[in-house]
Amino acid sequence: MVKQLIAIVALSIVVILSMSYAHEAMQLLLNAHEWVSQVLADVFSVGQAGNLVKGLIALLTIPIVFSLIPAVLYWIARRHWFPYFMEIVWVIWLIQIGAIVIMYKVV
């Protein structure tokens, strides 16, 4: 319990000190999502089903692509699959969803 409390305090201090870098990373994530969404808008129809598929692919593409980077580097170094691939996908997906929900504008 004490270790976890110390860890969360230490991580909070790190986040506070690196807030500008975290903001840039979130902006990069949102820009990448918007780019994928714009590219997919040319492929899918404007209807409700097309928007659903476009949104689904856009939400899944960024976490998988960003998670493949350490997985490929790990595979090059060790020649077997990265053991925490899906955990990284989930973390990036949750961060992306949080950023998208915060930036969401009702039209």
PDB file of N, CA and C in Angstrom:
ATOM      1  N   MET A   1       0.821  -1.191   0.000  1.00  0.00           N
ATOM      2  CA  MET A   1       0.000   0.000   0.000  1.00  0.00           C
ATOM      3  C   MET A   1       0.863   1.252   0.000  1.00  0.00           C
ATOM      4  N   VAL A   2       1.895   1.269   0.835  1.00  0.00           N
ATOM      5  CA  VAL A   2       2.770   2.439   0.917  1.00  0.00           C
ATOM      6  C   VAL A   2       3.562   2.595  -0.386  1.00  0.00           C
ATOM      7  N   LYS A   3       4.001   1.479  -0.966  1.00  0.00           N
ATOM      8  CA  LYS A   3       4.733   1.536  -2.238  1.00  0.00           C
ATOM      9  C   LYS A   3       3.862   2.133  -3.334  1.00  0.00           C
ATOM     10  N   GLN A   4       2.607   1.740  -3.377  1.00  0.00           N
ATOM     11  CA  GLN A   4       1.701   2.264  -4.400  1.00  0.00           C
ATOM     12  C   GLN A   4       1.433   3.744  -4.186  1.00  0.00           C
ATOM     13  N   LEU A   5       1.318   4.173  -2.943  1.00  0.00           N
ATOM     14  CA  LEU A   5       1.118   5.582  -2.639  1.00  0.00           C
ATOM     15  C   LEU A   5       2.335   6.404  -3.061  1.00  0.00           C
ATOM     16  N   ILE A   6       3.516   5.911  -2.769  1.00  0.00           N
ATOM     17  CA  ILE A   6       4.746   6.591  -3.177  1.00  0.00           C
ATOM     18  C   ILE A   6       4.848   6.632  -4.696  1.00  0.00           C
ATOM     19  N   ALA A   7       4.484   5.543  -5.354  1.00  0.00           N
ATOM     20  CA  ALA A   7       4.546   5.493  -6.816  1.00  0.00           C
ATOM     21  C   ALA A   7       3.582   6.491  -7.440  1.00  0.00           C
ATOM     22  N   ILE A   8       2.374   6.600  -6.927  1.00  0.00           N
ATOM     23  CA  ILE A   8       1.410   7.531  -7.525  1.00  0.00           C
ATOM     24  C   ILE A   8       1.807   8.980  -7.256  1.00  0.00           C
ATOM     25  N   VAL A   9       2.387   9.263  -6.119  1.00  0.00           N
ATOM     26  CA  VAL A   9       2.868  10.618  -5.842  1.00  0.00           C
ATOM     27  C   VAL A   9       4.036  10.950  -6.768  1.00  0.00           C
ATOM     28  N   ALA A  10       4.962  10.019  -6.926  1.00  0.00           N
ATOM     29  CA  ALA A  10       6.113  10.251  -7.806  1.00  0.00           C
ATOM     30  C   ALA A  10       5.684  10.430  -9.252  1.00  0.00           C
ATOM     31  N   LEU A  11       4.764   9.594  -9.722  1.00  0.00           N
ATOM     32  CA  LEU A  11       4.274   9.724 -11.097  1.00  0.00           C
ATOM     33  C   LEU A  11       3.494  11.022 -11.289  1.00  0.00           C
ATOM     34  N   SER A  12       2.763  11.451 -10.287  1.00  0.00           N
ATOM     35  CA  SER A  12       2.045  12.726 -10.380  1.00  0.00           C
ATOM     36  C   SER A  12       3.017  13.894 -10.501  1.00  0.00           C
ATOM     37  N   ILE A  13       4.103  13.844  -9.756  1.00  0.00           N
ATOM     38  CA  ILE A  13       5.123  14.900  -9.854  1.00  0.00           C
ATOM     39  C   ILE A  13       5.750  14.904 -11.237  1.00  0.00           C
ATOM     40  N   VAL A  14       6.038  13.725 -11.774  1.00  0.00           N
ATOM     41  CA  VAL A  14       6.607  13.630 -13.120  1.00  0.00           C
ATOM     42  C   VAL A  14       5.647  14.207 -14.150  1.00  0.00           C
ATOM     43  N   VAL A  15       4.360  13.897 -14.036  1.00  0.00           N
ATOM     44  CA  VAL A  15       3.374  14.417 -14.983  1.00  0.00           C
ATOM     45  C   VAL A  15       3.271  15.932 -14.879  1.00  0.00           C
ATOM     46  N   ILE A  16       3.269  16.461 -13.671  1.00  0.00           N
ATOM     47  CA  ILE A  16       3.184  17.914 -13.488  1.00  0.00           C
ATOM     48  C   ILE A  16       4.398  18.600 -14.101  1.00  0.00           C
ATOM     49  N   LEU A  17       5.565  18.034 -13.922  1.00  0.00           N
ATOM     50  CA  LEU A  17       6.785  18.644 -14.461  1.00  0.00           C
ATOM     51  C   LEU A  17       6.895  18.507 -15.975  1.00  0.00           C
ATOM     52  N   SER A  18       6.223  17.516 -16.535  1.00  0.00           N
ATOM     53  CA  SER A  18       6.314  17.300 -17.984  1.00  0.00           C
ATOM     54  C   SER A  18       4.978  17.550 -18.676  1.00  0.00           C
ATOM     55  N   MET A  19       4.196  18.469 -18.148  1.00  0.00           N
ATOM     56  CA  MET A  19       2.861  18.731 -18.686  1.00  0.00           C
ATOM     57  C   MET A  19       2.909  19.213 -20.133  1.00  0.00           C
ATOM     58  N   SER A  20       3.876  20.044 -20.498  1.00  0.00           N
ATOM     59  CA  SER A  20       3.933  20.542 -21.874  1.00  0.00           C
ATOM     60  C   SER A  20       4.215  19.403 -22.857  1.00  0.00           C
ATOM     61  N   TYR A  21       5.060  18.466 -22.457  1.00  0.00           N
ATOM     62  CA  TYR A  21       5.343  17.321 -23.316  1.00  0.00           C
ATOM     63  C   TYR A  21       4.123  16.407 -23.428  1.00  0.00           C
ATOM     64  N   ALA A  22       3.401  16.248 -22.329  1.00  0.00           N
ATOM     65  CA  ALA A  22       2.188  15.425 -22.358  1.00  0.00           C
ATOM     66  C   ALA A  22       1.136  16.074 -23.250  1.00  0.00           C
ATOM     67  N   HIS A  23       1.051  17.397 -23.209  1.00  0.00           N
ATOM     68  CA  HIS A  23       0.098  18.104 -24.065  1.00  0.00           C
ATOM     69  C   HIS A  23       0.453  17.890 -25.540  1.00  0.00           C
ATOM     70  N   GLU A  24       1.723  17.981 -25.875  1.00  0.00           N
ATOM     71  CA  GLU A  24       2.159  17.746 -27.254  1.00  0.00           C
ATOM     72  C   GLU A  24       1.859  16.315 -27.699  1.00  0.00           C
ATOM     73  N   ALA A  25       2.056  15.354 -26.810  1.00  0.00           N
ATOM     74  CA  ALA A  25       1.769  13.951 -27.141  1.00  0.00           C
ATOM     75  C   ALA A  25       0.272  13.745 -27.376  1.00  0.00           C
ATOM     76  N   MET A  26      -0.563  14.367 -26.543  1.00  0.00           N
ATOM     77  CA  MET A  26      -2.008  14.260 -26.735  1.00  0.00           C
ATOM     78  C   MET A  26      -2.430  14.923 -28.040  1.00  0.00           C
ATOM     79  N   GLN A  27      -1.821  16.060 -28.358  1.00  0.00           N
ATOM     80  CA  GLN A  27      -2.146  16.743 -29.607  1.00  0.00           C
ATOM     81  C   GLN A  27      -1.725  15.901 -30.807  1.00  0.00           C
ATOM     82  N   LEU A  28      -0.575  15.248 -30.713  1.00  0.00           N
ATOM     83  CA  LEU A  28      -0.125  14.342 -31.775  1.00  0.00           C
ATOM     84  C   LEU A  28      -1.105  13.192 -31.953  1.00  0.00           C
ATOM     85  N   LEU A  29      -1.565  12.636 -30.857  1.00  0.00           N
ATOM     86  CA  LEU A  29      -2.529  11.541 -30.910  1.00  0.00           C
ATOM     87  C   LEU A  29      -3.838  11.992 -31.565  1.00  0.00           C
ATOM     88  N   LEU A  30      -4.328  13.165 -31.182  1.00  0.00           N
ATOM     89  CA  LEU A  30      -5.563  13.684 -31.774  1.00  0.00           C
ATOM     90  C   LEU A  30      -5.385  14.030 -33.249  1.00  0.00           C
ATOM     91  N   ASN A  31      -4.241  14.590 -33.607  1.00  0.00           N
ATOM     92  CA  ASN A  31      -3.981  14.906 -35.017  1.00  0.00           C
ATOM     93  C   ASN A  31      -3.894  13.636 -35.857  1.00  0.00           C
ATOM     94  N   ALA A  32      -3.258  12.600 -35.320  1.00  0.00           N
ATOM     95  CA  ALA A  32      -3.171  11.330 -36.051  1.00  0.00           C
ATOM     96  C   ALA A  32      -4.560  10.730 -36.233  1.00  0.00           C
ATOM     97  N   HIS A  33      -5.385  10.792 -35.203  1.00  0.00           N
ATOM     98  CA  HIS A  33      -6.755  10.268 -35.314  1.00  0.00           C
ATOM     99  C   HIS A  33      -7.544  11.058 -36.354  1.00  0.00           C
ATOM    100  N   GLU A  34      -7.406  12.361 -36.341  1.00  0.00           N
ATOM    101  CA  GLU A  34      -8.129  13.197 -37.314  1.00  0.00           C
ATOM    102  C   GLU A  34      -7.657  12.909 -38.737  1.00  0.00           C
ATOM    103  N   TRP A  35      -6.359  12.690 -38.916  1.00  0.00           N
ATOM    104  CA  TRP A  35      -5.826  12.394 -40.240  1.00  0.00           C
ATOM    105  C   TRP A  35      -6.381  11.067 -40.759  1.00  0.00           C
ATOM    106  N   VAL A  36      -6.367  10.038 -39.906  1.00  0.00           N
ATOM    107  CA  VAL A  36      -6.906   8.739 -40.307  1.00  0.00           C
ATOM    108  C   VAL A  36      -8.392   8.873 -40.634  1.00  0.00           C
ATOM    109  N   SER A  37      -9.114   9.633 -39.834  1.00  0.00           N
ATOM    110  CA  SER A  37     -10.538   9.830 -40.081  1.00  0.00           C
ATOM    111  C   SER A  37     -10.784  10.541 -41.405  1.00  0.00           C
ATOM    112  N   GLN A  38      -9.960  11.537 -41.735  1.00  0.00           N
ATOM    113  CA  GLN A  38     -10.115  12.255 -43.000  1.00  0.00           C
ATOM    114  C   GLN A  38      -9.792  11.348 -44.190  1.00  0.00           C
ATOM    115  N   VAL A  39      -8.760  10.530 -44.072  1.00  0.00           N
ATOM    116  CA  VAL A  39      -8.406   9.607 -45.148  1.00  0.00           C
ATOM    117  C   VAL A  39      -9.535   8.592 -45.363  1.00  0.00           C
ATOM    118  N   LEU A  40     -10.107   8.106 -44.274  1.00  0.00           N
ATOM    119  CA  LEU A  40     -11.194   7.133 -44.389  1.00  0.00           C
ATOM    120  C   LEU A  40     -12.486   7.764 -44.879  1.00  0.00           C
ATOM    121  N   ALA A  41     -12.641   9.067 -44.721  1.00  0.00           N
ATOM    122  CA  ALA A  41     -13.857   9.737 -45.197  1.00  0.00           C
ATOM    123  C   ALA A  41     -13.963   9.650 -46.717  1.00  0.00           C
ATOM    124  N   ASP A  42     -12.829   9.594 -47.400  1.00  0.00           N
ATOM    125  CA  ASP A  42     -12.840   9.450 -48.854  1.00  0.00           C
ATOM    126  C   ASP A  42     -13.258   8.048 -49.292  1.00  0.00           C
ATOM    127  N   VAL A  43     -13.075   7.075 -48.416  1.00  0.00           N
ATOM    128  CA  VAL A  43     -13.347   5.680 -48.773  1.00  0.00           C
ATOM    129  C   VAL A  43     -14.790   5.279 -48.458  1.00  0.00           C
ATOM    130  N   PHE A  44     -15.292   5.696 -47.297  1.00  0.00           N
ATOM    131  CA  PHE A  44     -16.602   5.245 -46.844  1.00  0.00           C
ATOM    132  C   PHE A  44     -17.680   6.259 -47.179  1.00  0.00           C
ATOM    133  N   SER A  45     -18.912   5.758 -47.264  1.00  0.00           N
ATOM    134  CA  SER A  45     -20.046   6.617 -47.610  1.00  0.00           C
ATOM    135  C   SER A  45     -20.374   7.553 -46.455  1.00  0.00           C
ATOM    136  N   VAL A  46     -21.241   8.505 -46.748  1.00  0.00           N
ATOM    137  CA  VAL A  46     -21.605   9.516 -45.770  1.00  0.00           C
ATOM    138  C   VAL A  46     -22.710   9.023 -44.834  1.00  0.00           C
ATOM    139  N   GLY A  47     -23.319   7.899 -45.111  1.00  0.00           N
ATOM    140  CA  GLY A  47     -24.426   7.386 -44.313  1.00  0.00           C
ATOM    141  C   GLY A  47     -24.000   6.975 -42.914  1.00  0.00           C
ATOM    142  N   GLN A  48     -24.966   6.550 -42.130  1.00  0.00           N
ATOM    143  CA  GLN A  48     -24.722   6.172 -40.745  1.00  0.00           C
ATOM    144  C   GLN A  48     -23.799   4.957 -40.640  1.00  0.00           C
ATOM    145  N   ALA A  49     -23.990   3.971 -41.493  1.00  0.00           N
ATOM    146  CA  ALA A  49     -23.133   2.778 -41.464  1.00  0.00           C
ATOM    147  C   ALA A  49     -21.699   3.136 -41.856  1.00  0.00           C
ATOM    148  N   GLY A  50     -21.545   3.987 -42.865  1.00  0.00           N
ATOM    149  CA  GLY A  50     -20.208   4.420 -43.278  1.00  0.00           C
ATOM    150  C   GLY A  50     -19.494   5.197 -42.188  1.00  0.00           C
ATOM    151  N   ASN A  51     -20.221   6.072 -41.496  1.00  0.00           N
ATOM    152  CA  ASN A  51     -19.627   6.832 -40.397  1.00  0.00           C
ATOM    153  C   ASN A  51     -19.238   5.926 -39.235  1.00  0.00           C
ATOM    154  N   LEU A  52     -20.055   4.906 -38.974  1.00  0.00           N
ATOM    155  CA  LEU A  52     -19.751   3.966 -37.906  1.00  0.00           C
ATOM    156  C   LEU A  52     -18.475   3.186 -38.204  1.00  0.00           C
ATOM    157  N   VAL A  53     -18.365   2.668 -39.415  1.00  0.00           N
ATOM    158  CA  VAL A  53     -17.177   1.898 -39.805  1.00  0.00           C
ATOM    159  C   VAL A  53     -15.947   2.796 -39.833  1.00  0.00           C
ATOM    160  N   LYS A  54     -16.095   4.014 -40.348  1.00  0.00           N
ATOM    161  CA  LYS A  54     -14.978   4.971 -40.389  1.00  0.00           C
ATOM    162  C   LYS A  54     -14.491   5.295 -38.981  1.00  0.00           C
ATOM    163  N   GLY A  55     -15.418   5.545 -38.065  1.00  0.00           N
ATOM    164  CA  GLY A  55     -15.045   5.843 -36.682  1.00  0.00           C
ATOM    165  C   GLY A  55     -14.388   4.668 -35.991  1.00  0.00           C
ATOM    166  N   LEU A  56     -14.901   3.470 -36.245  1.00  0.00           N
ATOM    167  CA  LEU A  56     -14.332   2.270 -35.633  1.00  0.00           C
ATOM    168  C   LEU A  56     -12.908   2.029 -36.115  1.00  0.00           C
ATOM    169  N   ILE A  57     -12.700   2.116 -37.407  1.00  0.00           N
ATOM    170  CA  ILE A  57     -11.354   1.895 -37.948  1.00  0.00           C
ATOM    171  C   ILE A  57     -10.395   2.980 -37.466  1.00  0.00           C
ATOM    172  N   ALA A  58     -10.864   4.225 -37.417  1.00  0.00           N
ATOM    173  CA  ALA A  58     -10.007   5.318 -36.950  1.00  0.00           C
ATOM    174  C   ALA A  58      -9.621   5.130 -35.487  1.00  0.00           C
ATOM    175  N   LEU A  59     -10.548   4.647 -34.654  1.00  0.00           N
ATOM    176  CA  LEU A  59     -10.244   4.422 -33.241  1.00  0.00           C
ATOM    177  C   LEU A  59      -9.286   3.262 -33.025  1.00  0.00           C
ATOM    178  N   LEU A  60      -9.331   2.267 -33.889  1.00  0.00           N
ATOM    179  CA  LEU A  60      -8.485   1.092 -33.694  1.00  0.00           C
ATOM    180  C   LEU A  60      -7.127   1.202 -34.373  1.00  0.00           C
ATOM    181  N   THR A  61      -7.018   2.004 -35.413  1.00  0.00           N
ATOM    182  CA  THR A  61      -5.777   2.081 -36.178  1.00  0.00           C
ATOM    183  C   THR A  61      -4.633   2.677 -35.367  1.00  0.00           C
ATOM    184  N   ILE A  62      -4.875   3.801 -34.727  1.00  0.00           N
ATOM    185  CA  ILE A  62      -3.805   4.514 -34.019  1.00  0.00           C
ATOM    186  C   ILE A  62      -3.200   3.675 -32.882  1.00  0.00           C
ATOM    187  N   PRO A  63      -3.984   3.089 -31.974  1.00  0.00           N
ATOM    188  CA  PRO A  63      -3.352   2.281 -30.921  1.00  0.00           C
ATOM    189  C   PRO A  63      -2.580   1.080 -31.451  1.00  0.00           C
ATOM    190  N   ILE A  64      -3.102   0.439 -32.491  1.00  0.00           N
ATOM    191  CA  ILE A  64      -2.405  -0.735 -33.023  1.00  0.00           C
ATOM    192  C   ILE A  64      -1.103  -0.332 -33.698  1.00  0.00           C
ATOM    193  N   VAL A  65      -1.131   0.743 -34.486  1.00  0.00           N
ATOM    194  CA  VAL A  65       0.085   1.186 -35.172  1.00  0.00           C
ATOM    195  C   VAL A  65       1.134   1.658 -34.170  1.00  0.00           C
ATOM    196  N   PHE A  66       0.711   2.445 -33.167  1.00  0.00           N
ATOM    197  CA  PHE A  66       1.673   2.923 -32.168  1.00  0.00           C
ATOM    198  C   PHE A  66       2.216   1.774 -31.317  1.00  0.00           C
ATOM    199  N   SER A  67       1.433   0.737 -31.097  1.00  0.00           N
ATOM    200  CA  SER A  67       1.898  -0.416 -30.318  1.00  0.00           C
ATOM    201  C   SER A  67       2.799  -1.326 -31.134  1.00  0.00           C
ATOM    202  N   LEU A  68       2.658  -1.297 -32.433  1.00  0.00           N
ATOM    203  CA  LEU A  68       3.523  -2.125 -33.272  1.00  0.00           C
ATOM    204  C   LEU A  68       4.971  -1.640 -33.266  1.00  0.00           C
ATOM    205  N   ILE A  69       5.185  -0.370 -33.002  1.00  0.00           N
ATOM    206  CA  ILE A  69       6.555   0.169 -33.003  1.00  0.00           C
ATOM    207  C   ILE A  69       7.425  -0.533 -31.958  1.00  0.00           C
ATOM    208  N   PRO A  70       7.061  -0.547 -30.653  1.00  0.00           N
ATOM    209  CA  PRO A  70       7.907  -1.292 -29.713  1.00  0.00           C
ATOM    210  C   PRO A  70       7.887  -2.797 -29.952  1.00  0.00           C
ATOM    211  N   ALA A  71       6.775  -3.319 -30.483  1.00  0.00           N
ATOM    212  CA  ALA A  71       6.706  -4.758 -30.744  1.00  0.00           C
ATOM    213  C   ALA A  71       7.685  -5.164 -31.830  1.00  0.00           C
ATOM    214  N   VAL A  72       7.790  -4.362 -32.884  1.00  0.00           N
ATOM    215  CA  VAL A  72       8.736  -4.667 -33.966  1.00  0.00           C
ATOM    216  C   VAL A  72      10.175  -4.525 -33.473  1.00  0.00           C
ATOM    217  N   LEU A  73      10.442  -3.481 -32.694  1.00  0.00           N
ATOM    218  CA  LEU A  73      11.794  -3.315 -32.143  1.00  0.00           C
ATOM    219  C   LEU A  73      12.164  -4.487 -31.226  1.00  0.00           C
ATOM    220  N   TYR A  74      11.210  -4.930 -30.430  1.00  0.00           N
ATOM    221  CA  TYR A  74      11.444  -6.078 -29.553  1.00  0.00           C
ATOM    222  C   TYR A  74      11.678  -7.341 -30.373  1.00  0.00           C
ATOM    223  N   TRP A  75      10.901  -7.527 -31.440  1.00  0.00           N
ATOM    224  CA  TRP A  75      11.064  -8.709 -32.276  1.00  0.00           C
ATOM    225  C   TRP A  75      12.432  -8.705 -32.964  1.00  0.00           C
ATOM    226  N   ILE A  76      12.873  -7.533 -33.412  1.00  0.00           N
ATOM    227  CA  ILE A  76      14.191  -7.439 -34.047  1.00  0.00           C
ATOM    228  C   ILE A  76      15.290  -7.815 -33.050  1.00  0.00           C
ATOM    229  N   ALA A  77      15.147  -7.389 -31.801  1.00  0.00           N
ATOM    230  CA  ALA A  77      16.175  -7.655 -30.792  1.00  0.00           C
ATOM    231  C   ALA A  77      16.116  -9.089 -30.260  1.00  0.00           C
ATOM    232  N   ARG A  78      14.921  -9.609 -29.999  1.00  0.00           N
ATOM    233  CA  ARG A  78      14.786 -10.901 -29.325  1.00  0.00           C
ATOM    234  C   ARG A  78      14.304 -12.046 -30.199  1.00  0.00           C
ATOM    235  N   ARG A  79      13.752 -11.756 -31.362  1.00  0.00           N
ATOM    236  CA  ARG A  79      13.231 -12.750 -32.298  1.00  0.00           C
ATOM    237  C   ARG A  79      12.056 -13.551 -31.753  1.00  0.00           C
ATOM    238  N   HIS A  80      11.273 -12.962 -30.855  1.00  0.00           N
ATOM    239  CA  HIS A  80       9.981 -13.518 -30.482  1.00  0.00           C
ATOM    240  C   HIS A  80       9.030 -12.383 -30.125  1.00  0.00           C
ATOM    241  N   TRP A  81       7.748 -12.711 -30.043  1.00  0.00           N
ATOM    242  CA  TRP A  81       6.693 -11.706 -29.933  1.00  0.00           C
ATOM    243  C   TRP A  81       6.792 -10.918 -28.633  1.00  0.00           C
ATOM    244  N   PHE A  82       6.492  -9.644 -28.716  1.00  0.00           N
ATOM    245  CA  PHE A  82       6.481  -8.742 -27.575  1.00  0.00           C
ATOM    246  C   PHE A  82       5.383  -9.164 -26.599  1.00  0.00           C
ATOM    247  N   PRO A  83       5.708  -9.436 -25.335  1.00  0.00           N
ATOM    248  CA  PRO A  83       4.719 -10.016 -24.426  1.00  0.00           C
ATOM    249  C   PRO A  83       3.613  -9.055 -23.970  1.00  0.00           C
ATOM    250  N   TYR A  84       3.821  -7.754 -24.041  1.00  0.00           N
ATOM    251  CA  TYR A  84       2.839  -6.797 -23.511  1.00  0.00           C
ATOM    252  C   TYR A  84       2.187  -5.972 -24.615  1.00  0.00           C
ATOM    253  N   PHE A  85       2.057  -6.545 -25.798  1.00  0.00           N
ATOM    254  CA  PHE A  85       1.507  -5.818 -26.932  1.00  0.00           C
ATOM    255  C   PHE A  85       0.081  -5.335 -26.662  1.00  0.00           C
ATOM    256  N   MET A  86      -0.797  -6.216 -26.235  1.00  0.00           N
ATOM    257  CA  MET A  86      -2.199  -5.841 -26.020  1.00  0.00           C
ATOM    258  C   MET A  86      -2.364  -4.869 -24.859  1.00  0.00           C
ATOM    259  N   GLU A  87      -1.521  -4.948 -23.847  1.00  0.00           N
ATOM    260  CA  GLU A  87      -1.597  -3.991 -22.754  1.00  0.00           C
ATOM    261  C   GLU A  87      -1.276  -2.585 -23.252  1.00  0.00           C
ATOM    262  N   ILE A  88      -0.281  -2.476 -24.126  1.00  0.00           N
ATOM    263  CA  ILE A  88       0.061  -1.172 -24.697  1.00  0.00           C
ATOM    264  C   ILE A  88      -1.069  -0.677 -25.588  1.00  0.00           C
ATOM    265  N   VAL A  89      -1.675  -1.572 -26.364  1.00  0.00           N
ATOM    266  CA  VAL A  89      -2.815  -1.179 -27.200  1.00  0.00           C
ATOM    267  C   VAL A  89      -3.930  -0.627 -26.319  1.00  0.00           C
ATOM    268  N   TRP A  90      -4.248  -1.294 -25.224  1.00  0.00           N
ATOM    269  CA  TRP A  90      -5.310  -0.830 -24.332  1.00  0.00           C
ATOM    270  C   TRP A  90      -4.984   0.528 -23.715  1.00  0.00           C
ATOM    271  N   VAL A  91      -3.758   0.717 -23.270  1.00  0.00           N
ATOM    272  CA  VAL A  91      -3.386   1.997 -22.647  1.00  0.00           C
ATOM    273  C   VAL A  91      -3.503   3.132 -23.658  1.00  0.00           C
ATOM    274  N   ILE A  92      -2.971   2.931 -24.855  1.00  0.00           N
ATOM    275  CA  ILE A  92      -3.059   3.976 -25.882  1.00  0.00           C
ATOM    276  C   ILE A  92      -4.508   4.218 -26.272  1.00  0.00           C
ATOM    277  N   TRP A  93      -5.300   3.156 -26.372  1.00  0.00           N
ATOM    278  CA  TRP A  93      -6.715   3.305 -26.722  1.00  0.00           C
ATOM    279  C   TRP A  93      -7.456   4.113 -25.662  1.00  0.00           C
ATOM    280  N   LEU A  94      -7.201   3.814 -24.384  1.00  0.00           N
ATOM    281  CA  LEU A  94      -7.861   4.550 -23.306  1.00  0.00           C
ATOM    282  C   LEU A  94      -7.454   6.018 -23.289  1.00  0.00           C
ATOM    283  N   ILE A  95      -6.179   6.290 -23.513  1.00  0.00           N
ATOM    284  CA  ILE A  95      -5.724   7.680 -23.578  1.00  0.00           C
ATOM    285  C   ILE A  95      -6.363   8.392 -24.761  1.00  0.00           C
ATOM    286  N   GLN A  96      -6.417   7.721 -25.894  1.00  0.00           N
ATOM    287  CA  GLN A  96      -7.017   8.310 -27.095  1.00  0.00           C
ATOM    288  C   GLN A  96      -8.500   8.585 -26.868  1.00  0.00           C
ATOM    289  N   ILE A  97      -9.219   7.655 -26.307  1.00  0.00           N
ATOM    290  CA  ILE A  97     -10.645   7.842 -26.044  1.00  0.00           C
ATOM    291  C   ILE A  97     -10.855   9.007 -25.080  1.00  0.00           C
ATOM    292  N   GLY A  98     -10.032   9.083 -24.048  1.00  0.00           N
ATOM    293  CA  GLY A  98     -10.147  10.196 -23.105  1.00  0.00           C
ATOM    294  C   GLY A  98      -9.940  11.539 -23.782  1.00  0.00           C
ATOM    295  N   ALA A  99      -8.932  11.622 -24.645  1.00  0.00           N
ATOM    296  CA  ALA A  99      -8.665  12.878 -25.358  1.00  0.00           C
ATOM    297  C   ALA A  99      -9.781  13.217 -26.332  1.00  0.00           C
ATOM    298  N   ILE A 100     -10.302  12.221 -27.028  1.00  0.00           N
ATOM    299  CA  ILE A 100     -11.376  12.467 -27.996  1.00  0.00           C
ATOM    300  C   ILE A 100     -12.649  12.904 -27.283  1.00  0.00           C
ATOM    301  N   VAL A 101     -12.966  12.277 -26.166  1.00  0.00           N
ATOM    302  CA  VAL A 101     -14.171  12.650 -25.426  1.00  0.00           C
ATOM    303  C   VAL A 101     -14.042  14.078 -24.894  1.00  0.00           C
ATOM    304  N   ILE A 102     -12.876  14.449 -24.417  1.00  0.00           N
ATOM    305  CA  ILE A 102     -12.671  15.808 -23.907  1.00  0.00           C
ATOM    306  C   ILE A 102     -12.800  16.829 -25.024  1.00  0.00           C
ATOM    307  N   MET A 103     -12.294  16.506 -26.214  1.00  0.00           N
ATOM    308  CA  MET A 103     -12.317  17.451 -27.329  1.00  0.00           C
ATOM    309  C   MET A 103     -13.593  17.373 -28.152  1.00  0.00           C
ATOM    310  N   TYR A 104     -14.521  16.483 -27.809  1.00  0.00           N
ATOM    311  CA  TYR A 104     -15.740  16.272 -28.600  1.00  0.00           C
ATOM    312  C   TYR A 104     -16.616  17.514 -28.579  1.00  0.00           C
ATOM    313  N   LYS A 105     -17.099  17.874 -29.757  1.00  0.00           N
ATOM    314  CA  LYS A 105     -18.016  19.005 -29.889  1.00  0.00           C
ATOM    315  C   LYS A 105     -19.319  18.490 -30.483  1.00  0.00           C
ATOM    316  N   VAL A 106     -20.408  18.813 -29.840  1.00  0.00           N
ATOM    317  CA  VAL A 106     -21.714  18.421 -30.352  1.00  0.00           C
ATOM    318  C   VAL A 106     -22.059  19.344 -31.506  1.00  0.00           C
ATOM    319  N   VAL A 107     -22.409  18.734 -32.637  1.00  0.00           N
ATOM    320  CA  VAL A 107     -22.723  19.532 -33.834  1.00  0.00           C
ATOM    321  C   VAL A 107     -24.198  19.807 -33.897  1.00  0.00           C
TER     322      VAL A 107
END
